[in-house]
Amino acid sequence: MHRASTLIATSFVRAWGAVTPNSADSAAAHLAGLDARHIGHVELQHLGRYLRVIVLLGVCLLVSAWSRVDVRQTSVLLDKATAAYDVASAEHVRLQVELAMLRDPANLVGAAGAPALSGTVPVITIPAP
């Protein structure tokens, strides 16, 4: 309660000082029960508290904004990785089917007989110079 009355008195003294000459500052402070030397000290002390709170809120806002940007970047990277995984998965399935076709015994027999060499190809001998 004492602190609230001190703040009210300090506000009154400052307001009174704004509309009256400087000689009235000490009289108004004396009437409010305050020492004129400590009037600004009370407000500066509270100003420091307010400044700390404002800085803390600013830091919290910066961290919040940074985390939102980071989450969005991570989401974009995740979407790209998912698309690359889908492409790689489809390629894997295609290669598995191709490997199964190549391992089929019937396919191996047919493939082995296809490149058979025939003796009807003429051989040309090139003389050495």
N, C-alpha and C. Protein backbone atom coordinates (compact mmCIF):
# COMPACT_ATOMS: atom_id res chain seq x y z
N MET A 1 0.83 -1.19 0.00
CA MET A 1 0.00 0.00 0.00
C MET A 1 0.87 1.25 0.00
N HIS A 2 1.94 1.19 0.76
CA HIS A 2 2.85 2.35 0.83
C HIS A 2 3.46 2.63 -0.54
N ARG A 3 3.80 1.56 -1.25
CA ARG A 3 4.42 1.72 -2.58
C ARG A 3 3.43 2.36 -3.56
N ALA A 4 2.16 1.96 -3.49
CA ALA A 4 1.16 2.54 -4.39
C ALA A 4 0.97 4.02 -4.09
N SER A 5 0.93 4.38 -2.82
CA SER A 5 0.77 5.79 -2.47
C SER A 5 2.00 6.59 -2.89
N THR A 6 3.17 5.97 -2.80
CA THR A 6 4.39 6.64 -3.24
C THR A 6 4.34 6.90 -4.74
N LEU A 7 3.88 5.91 -5.51
CA LEU A 7 3.77 6.08 -6.96
C LEU A 7 2.76 7.16 -7.32
N ILE A 8 1.65 7.19 -6.62
CA ILE A 8 0.63 8.22 -6.88
C ILE A 8 1.18 9.59 -6.54
N ALA A 9 1.88 9.69 -5.41
CA ALA A 9 2.45 10.97 -5.02
C ALA A 9 3.52 11.41 -6.01
N THR A 10 4.32 10.47 -6.48
CA THR A 10 5.36 10.80 -7.45
C THR A 10 4.73 11.31 -8.75
N SER A 11 3.68 10.66 -9.19
CA SER A 11 2.99 11.11 -10.40
C SER A 11 2.41 12.50 -10.21
N PHE A 12 1.87 12.74 -9.02
CA PHE A 12 1.31 14.06 -8.73
C PHE A 12 2.41 15.12 -8.77
N VAL A 13 3.55 14.81 -8.16
CA VAL A 13 4.66 15.77 -8.12
C VAL A 13 5.16 16.07 -9.52
N ARG A 14 5.27 15.06 -10.34
CA ARG A 14 5.73 15.29 -11.72
C ARG A 14 4.72 16.13 -12.49
N ALA A 15 3.45 15.83 -12.33
CA ALA A 15 2.42 16.61 -13.02
C ALA A 15 2.42 18.05 -12.51
N TRP A 16 2.55 18.21 -11.21
CA TRP A 16 2.59 19.55 -10.62
C TRP A 16 3.81 20.32 -11.11
N GLY A 17 4.94 19.61 -11.21
CA GLY A 17 6.16 20.25 -11.67
C GLY A 17 6.08 20.66 -13.13
N ALA A 18 5.27 20.00 -13.91
CA ALA A 18 5.15 20.34 -15.32
C ALA A 18 4.36 21.63 -15.53
N VAL A 19 3.48 21.95 -14.61
CA VAL A 19 2.66 23.15 -14.79
C VAL A 19 3.06 24.31 -13.89
N THR A 20 4.01 24.09 -12.98
CA THR A 20 4.45 25.16 -12.08
C THR A 20 5.95 25.38 -12.22
N PRO A 21 6.48 26.49 -11.72
CA PRO A 21 7.92 26.72 -11.77
C PRO A 21 8.69 25.71 -10.92
N ASN A 22 10.01 25.66 -11.10
CA ASN A 22 10.85 24.69 -10.40
C ASN A 22 10.85 24.86 -8.89
N SER A 23 10.60 26.04 -8.38
CA SER A 23 10.62 26.25 -6.93
C SER A 23 9.47 25.50 -6.25
N ALA A 24 8.43 25.20 -6.97
CA ALA A 24 7.28 24.50 -6.40
C ALA A 24 7.53 23.01 -6.27
N ASP A 25 8.57 22.47 -6.96
CA ASP A 25 8.83 21.03 -6.89
C ASP A 25 9.10 20.58 -5.47
N SER A 26 9.93 21.29 -4.77
CA SER A 26 10.27 20.87 -3.41
C SER A 26 9.06 21.02 -2.50
N ALA A 27 8.25 22.05 -2.70
CA ALA A 27 7.06 22.24 -1.85
C ALA A 27 6.04 21.13 -2.12
N ALA A 28 5.83 20.80 -3.37
CA ALA A 28 4.87 19.74 -3.68
C ALA A 28 5.36 18.40 -3.16
N ALA A 29 6.68 18.14 -3.28
CA ALA A 29 7.22 16.90 -2.77
C ALA A 29 7.09 16.85 -1.26
N HIS A 30 7.31 18.01 -0.59
CA HIS A 30 7.19 18.04 0.87
C HIS A 30 5.75 17.79 1.29
N LEU A 31 4.79 18.36 0.53
CA LEU A 31 3.38 18.14 0.84
C LEU A 31 2.99 16.68 0.61
N ALA A 32 3.61 16.02 -0.39
CA ALA A 32 3.28 14.61 -0.67
C ALA A 32 4.00 13.67 0.27
N GLY A 33 4.91 14.19 1.08
CA GLY A 33 5.63 13.33 2.02
C GLY A 33 6.82 12.65 1.39
N LEU A 34 7.34 13.20 0.32
CA LEU A 34 8.47 12.61 -0.37
C LEU A 34 9.67 13.53 -0.29
N ASP A 35 10.82 12.94 -0.31
CA ASP A 35 12.05 13.71 -0.43
C ASP A 35 12.27 13.98 -1.91
N ALA A 36 12.54 15.20 -2.28
CA ALA A 36 12.65 15.59 -3.69
C ALA A 36 13.80 14.87 -4.38
N ARG A 37 14.81 14.40 -3.64
CA ARG A 37 15.95 13.70 -4.25
C ARG A 37 15.57 12.31 -4.74
N HIS A 38 14.52 11.71 -4.20
CA HIS A 38 14.18 10.31 -4.52
C HIS A 38 12.98 10.18 -5.45
N ILE A 39 12.48 11.28 -5.93
CA ILE A 39 11.29 11.21 -6.77
C ILE A 39 11.58 10.46 -8.07
N GLY A 40 12.61 10.81 -8.78
CA GLY A 40 12.94 10.15 -10.03
C GLY A 40 13.44 8.73 -9.82
N HIS A 41 14.05 8.45 -8.68
CA HIS A 41 14.61 7.13 -8.40
C HIS A 41 13.52 6.05 -8.39
N VAL A 42 12.38 6.38 -7.82
CA VAL A 42 11.29 5.40 -7.75
C VAL A 42 10.84 5.03 -9.16
N GLU A 43 10.65 6.01 -10.01
CA GLU A 43 10.18 5.72 -11.36
C GLU A 43 11.25 5.02 -12.20
N LEU A 44 12.51 5.39 -12.03
CA LEU A 44 13.57 4.72 -12.77
C LEU A 44 13.69 3.26 -12.37
N GLN A 45 13.47 2.99 -11.08
CA GLN A 45 13.52 1.60 -10.63
C GLN A 45 12.41 0.80 -11.31
N HIS A 46 11.23 1.35 -11.40
CA HIS A 46 10.13 0.65 -12.08
C HIS A 46 10.34 0.62 -13.58
N LEU A 47 10.98 1.66 -14.11
CA LEU A 47 11.28 1.68 -15.53
C LEU A 47 12.21 0.52 -15.90
N GLY A 48 13.17 0.23 -15.04
CA GLY A 48 14.06 -0.91 -15.27
C GLY A 48 13.29 -2.22 -15.29
N ARG A 49 12.32 -2.34 -14.41
CA ARG A 49 11.49 -3.56 -14.39
C ARG A 49 10.68 -3.67 -15.68
N TYR A 50 10.08 -2.55 -16.08
CA TYR A 50 9.30 -2.56 -17.31
C TYR A 50 10.19 -2.87 -18.51
N LEU A 51 11.39 -2.30 -18.50
CA LEU A 51 12.31 -2.55 -19.60
C LEU A 51 12.69 -4.03 -19.66
N ARG A 52 12.92 -4.65 -18.51
CA ARG A 52 13.23 -6.09 -18.49
C ARG A 52 12.06 -6.90 -19.05
N VAL A 53 10.86 -6.54 -18.67
CA VAL A 53 9.67 -7.26 -19.16
C VAL A 53 9.53 -7.07 -20.66
N ILE A 54 9.76 -5.86 -21.14
CA ILE A 54 9.65 -5.60 -22.58
C ILE A 54 10.72 -6.37 -23.34
N VAL A 55 11.94 -6.39 -22.82
CA VAL A 55 13.01 -7.15 -23.47
C VAL A 55 12.67 -8.64 -23.47
N LEU A 56 12.15 -9.14 -22.35
CA LEU A 56 11.77 -10.55 -22.28
C LEU A 56 10.67 -10.87 -23.29
N LEU A 57 9.69 -10.01 -23.41
CA LEU A 57 8.62 -10.23 -24.39
C LEU A 57 9.18 -10.17 -25.81
N GLY A 58 10.10 -9.24 -26.06
CA GLY A 58 10.72 -9.17 -27.38
C GLY A 58 11.48 -10.43 -27.72
N VAL A 59 12.24 -10.95 -26.75
CA VAL A 59 12.98 -12.19 -26.98
C VAL A 59 12.01 -13.34 -27.24
N CYS A 60 10.93 -13.39 -26.48
CA CYS A 60 9.93 -14.45 -26.68
C CYS A 60 9.31 -14.35 -28.08
N LEU A 61 9.03 -13.13 -28.53
CA LEU A 61 8.46 -12.96 -29.87
C LEU A 61 9.46 -13.38 -30.95
N LEU A 62 10.73 -13.03 -30.75
CA LEU A 62 11.75 -13.43 -31.73
C LEU A 62 11.90 -14.95 -31.78
N VAL A 63 11.90 -15.59 -30.62
CA VAL A 63 12.01 -17.05 -30.58
C VAL A 63 10.79 -17.68 -31.23
N SER A 64 9.62 -17.12 -30.98
CA SER A 64 8.40 -17.65 -31.58
C SER A 64 8.43 -17.51 -33.11
N ALA A 65 8.85 -16.35 -33.59
CA ALA A 65 8.93 -16.15 -35.04
C ALA A 65 9.96 -17.08 -35.66
N TRP A 66 11.11 -17.21 -35.01
CA TRP A 66 12.16 -18.11 -35.53
C TRP A 66 11.66 -19.55 -35.57
N SER A 67 10.96 -19.98 -34.52
CA SER A 67 10.49 -21.37 -34.51
C SER A 67 9.44 -21.60 -35.60
N ARG A 68 8.59 -20.61 -35.87
CA ARG A 68 7.61 -20.77 -36.94
C ARG A 68 8.30 -20.88 -38.30
N VAL A 69 9.31 -20.05 -38.52
CA VAL A 69 10.06 -20.11 -39.78
C VAL A 69 10.76 -21.46 -39.89
N ASP A 70 11.34 -21.92 -38.80
CA ASP A 70 12.04 -23.20 -38.81
C ASP A 70 11.07 -24.36 -39.07
N VAL A 71 9.89 -24.30 -38.48
CA VAL A 71 8.89 -25.36 -38.71
C VAL A 71 8.46 -25.37 -40.17
N ARG A 72 8.28 -24.19 -40.76
CA ARG A 72 7.88 -24.14 -42.17
C ARG A 72 8.98 -24.66 -43.08
N GLN A 73 10.23 -24.31 -42.79
CA GLN A 73 11.34 -24.81 -43.60
C GLN A 73 11.44 -26.33 -43.47
N THR A 74 11.27 -26.84 -42.26
CA THR A 74 11.31 -28.28 -42.04
C THR A 74 10.17 -28.97 -42.77
N SER A 75 9.00 -28.33 -42.80
CA SER A 75 7.86 -28.90 -43.52
C SER A 75 8.14 -28.98 -45.02
N VAL A 76 8.75 -27.93 -45.57
CA VAL A 76 9.09 -27.94 -47.00
C VAL A 76 10.11 -29.04 -47.29
N LEU A 77 11.12 -29.15 -46.45
CA LEU A 77 12.13 -30.20 -46.63
C LEU A 77 11.51 -31.59 -46.50
N LEU A 78 10.58 -31.75 -45.57
CA LEU A 78 9.91 -33.04 -45.41
C LEU A 78 9.08 -33.38 -46.64
N ASP A 79 8.40 -32.40 -47.21
CA ASP A 79 7.63 -32.65 -48.44
C ASP A 79 8.54 -33.07 -49.59
N LYS A 80 9.70 -32.40 -49.72
CA LYS A 80 10.65 -32.78 -50.77
C LYS A 80 11.20 -34.18 -50.54
N ALA A 81 11.51 -34.51 -49.30
CA ALA A 81 12.03 -35.84 -48.99
C ALA A 81 10.97 -36.91 -49.24
N THR A 82 9.71 -36.61 -48.93
CA THR A 82 8.63 -37.56 -49.18
C THR A 82 8.46 -37.80 -50.68
N ALA A 83 8.54 -36.74 -51.47
CA ALA A 83 8.42 -36.89 -52.93
C ALA A 83 9.59 -37.71 -53.47
N ALA A 84 10.81 -37.45 -52.98
CA ALA A 84 11.98 -38.22 -53.42
C ALA A 84 11.85 -39.69 -53.00
N TYR A 85 11.30 -39.93 -51.82
CA TYR A 85 11.09 -41.31 -51.36
C TYR A 85 10.08 -42.03 -52.25
N ASP A 86 9.01 -41.34 -52.62
CA ASP A 86 8.01 -41.96 -53.49
C ASP A 86 8.61 -42.33 -54.85
N VAL A 87 9.43 -41.43 -55.40
CA VAL A 87 10.09 -41.71 -56.68
C VAL A 87 11.04 -42.91 -56.53
N ALA A 88 11.83 -42.91 -55.46
CA ALA A 88 12.78 -44.00 -55.24
C ALA A 88 12.04 -45.32 -54.98
N SER A 89 10.92 -45.27 -54.30
CA SER A 89 10.14 -46.48 -54.03
C SER A 89 9.57 -47.05 -55.33
N ALA A 90 9.07 -46.19 -56.22
CA ALA A 90 8.55 -46.66 -57.50
C ALA A 90 9.68 -47.25 -58.34
N GLU A 91 10.86 -46.64 -58.33
CA GLU A 91 12.02 -47.17 -59.05
C GLU A 91 12.44 -48.52 -58.47
N HIS A 92 12.37 -48.65 -57.17
CA HIS A 92 12.73 -49.92 -56.53
C HIS A 92 11.78 -51.03 -56.96
N VAL A 93 10.49 -50.74 -56.99
CA VAL A 93 9.51 -51.74 -57.42
C VAL A 93 9.77 -52.13 -58.88
N ARG A 94 10.04 -51.15 -59.74
CA ARG A 94 10.33 -51.44 -61.14
C ARG A 94 11.57 -52.31 -61.29
N LEU A 95 12.61 -52.01 -60.53
CA LEU A 95 13.83 -52.81 -60.59
C LEU A 95 13.62 -54.22 -60.04
N GLN A 96 12.78 -54.37 -59.02
CA GLN A 96 12.47 -55.69 -58.48
C GLN A 96 11.76 -56.55 -59.54
N VAL A 97 10.84 -55.93 -60.27
CA VAL A 97 10.13 -56.66 -61.33
C VAL A 97 11.12 -57.04 -62.43
N GLU A 98 12.00 -56.13 -62.81
CA GLU A 98 12.98 -56.43 -63.84
C GLU A 98 13.93 -57.52 -63.39
N LEU A 99 14.35 -57.51 -62.14
CA LEU A 99 15.23 -58.55 -61.61
C LEU A 99 14.53 -59.90 -61.59
N ALA A 100 13.25 -59.91 -61.22
CA ALA A 100 12.50 -61.17 -61.22
C ALA A 100 12.37 -61.73 -62.63
N MET A 101 12.19 -60.84 -63.62
CA MET A 101 12.11 -61.31 -65.00
C MET A 101 13.44 -61.87 -65.47
N LEU A 102 14.54 -61.25 -65.03
CA LEU A 102 15.85 -61.72 -65.45
C LEU A 102 16.23 -63.04 -64.77
N ARG A 103 15.70 -63.28 -63.58
CA ARG A 103 16.03 -64.50 -62.85
C ARG A 103 15.16 -65.69 -63.26
N ASP A 104 14.13 -65.45 -64.02
CA ASP A 104 13.22 -66.52 -64.44
C ASP A 104 13.99 -67.52 -65.32
N PRO A 105 13.94 -68.83 -64.99
CA PRO A 105 14.71 -69.82 -65.76
C PRO A 105 14.30 -69.86 -67.23
N ALA A 106 13.05 -69.72 -67.55
CA ALA A 106 12.61 -69.75 -68.94
C ALA A 106 13.19 -68.57 -69.70
N ASN A 107 13.26 -67.46 -69.06
CA ASN A 107 13.82 -66.26 -69.67
C ASN A 107 15.32 -66.44 -69.88
N LEU A 108 16.00 -67.11 -68.94
CA LEU A 108 17.44 -67.33 -69.07
C LEU A 108 17.76 -68.24 -70.25
N VAL A 109 16.96 -69.28 -70.43
CA VAL A 109 17.20 -70.19 -71.55
C VAL A 109 17.00 -69.46 -72.88
N GLY A 110 15.95 -68.67 -72.98
CA GLY A 110 15.69 -67.92 -74.21
C GLY A 110 16.78 -66.88 -74.46
N ALA A 111 17.25 -66.23 -73.41
CA ALA A 111 18.27 -65.20 -73.57
C ALA A 111 19.61 -65.81 -73.93
N ALA A 112 19.90 -67.02 -73.43
CA ALA A 112 21.18 -67.66 -73.73
C ALA A 112 21.24 -68.12 -75.19
N GLY A 113 20.13 -68.51 -75.76
CA GLY A 113 20.12 -68.98 -77.15
C GLY A 113 20.07 -67.85 -78.16
N ALA A 114 19.70 -66.65 -77.77
CA ALA A 114 19.54 -65.54 -78.71
C ALA A 114 20.86 -65.07 -79.30
N PRO A 115 21.92 -64.88 -78.57
CA PRO A 115 23.13 -64.35 -79.20
C PRO A 115 24.02 -65.46 -79.77
N ALA A 116 23.43 -66.53 -80.20
CA ALA A 116 24.23 -67.64 -80.75
C ALA A 116 25.00 -67.16 -81.97
N LEU A 117 26.25 -67.54 -82.05
CA LEU A 117 27.09 -67.15 -83.18
C LEU A 117 26.89 -68.13 -84.33
N SER A 118 26.75 -67.60 -85.48
CA SER A 118 26.60 -68.47 -86.65
C SER A 118 27.91 -68.44 -87.44
N GLY A 119 28.21 -69.51 -88.11
CA GLY A 119 29.45 -69.61 -88.87
C GLY A 119 29.33 -69.04 -90.28
N THR A 120 28.26 -68.38 -90.58
CA THR A 120 28.07 -67.85 -91.93
C THR A 120 28.63 -66.45 -92.09
N VAL A 121 29.22 -65.91 -91.08
CA VAL A 121 29.75 -64.56 -91.15
C VAL A 121 31.13 -64.64 -91.79
N PRO A 122 31.37 -63.87 -92.84
CA PRO A 122 32.69 -63.93 -93.50
C PRO A 122 33.75 -63.26 -92.65
N VAL A 123 34.96 -63.80 -92.63
CA VAL A 123 36.07 -63.24 -91.89
C VAL A 123 37.01 -62.60 -92.88
N ILE A 124 37.37 -61.36 -92.65
CA ILE A 124 38.25 -60.63 -93.56
C ILE A 124 39.58 -60.44 -92.85
N THR A 125 40.64 -60.78 -93.56
CA THR A 125 41.97 -60.62 -93.02
C THR A 125 42.58 -59.38 -93.63
N ILE A 126 43.10 -58.51 -92.80
CA ILE A 126 43.71 -57.27 -93.28
C ILE A 126 45.20 -57.46 -93.24
N PRO A 127 45.85 -57.29 -94.42
CA PRO A 127 47.31 -57.47 -94.45
C PRO A 127 48.02 -56.37 -93.73
N ALA A 128 49.13 -56.67 -93.14
CA ALA A 128 49.94 -55.69 -92.42
C ALA A 128 50.72 -54.85 -93.41
N PRO A 129 50.90 -53.62 -93.28
CA PRO A 129 51.63 -52.78 -94.27
C PRO A 129 53.11 -52.98 -94.24
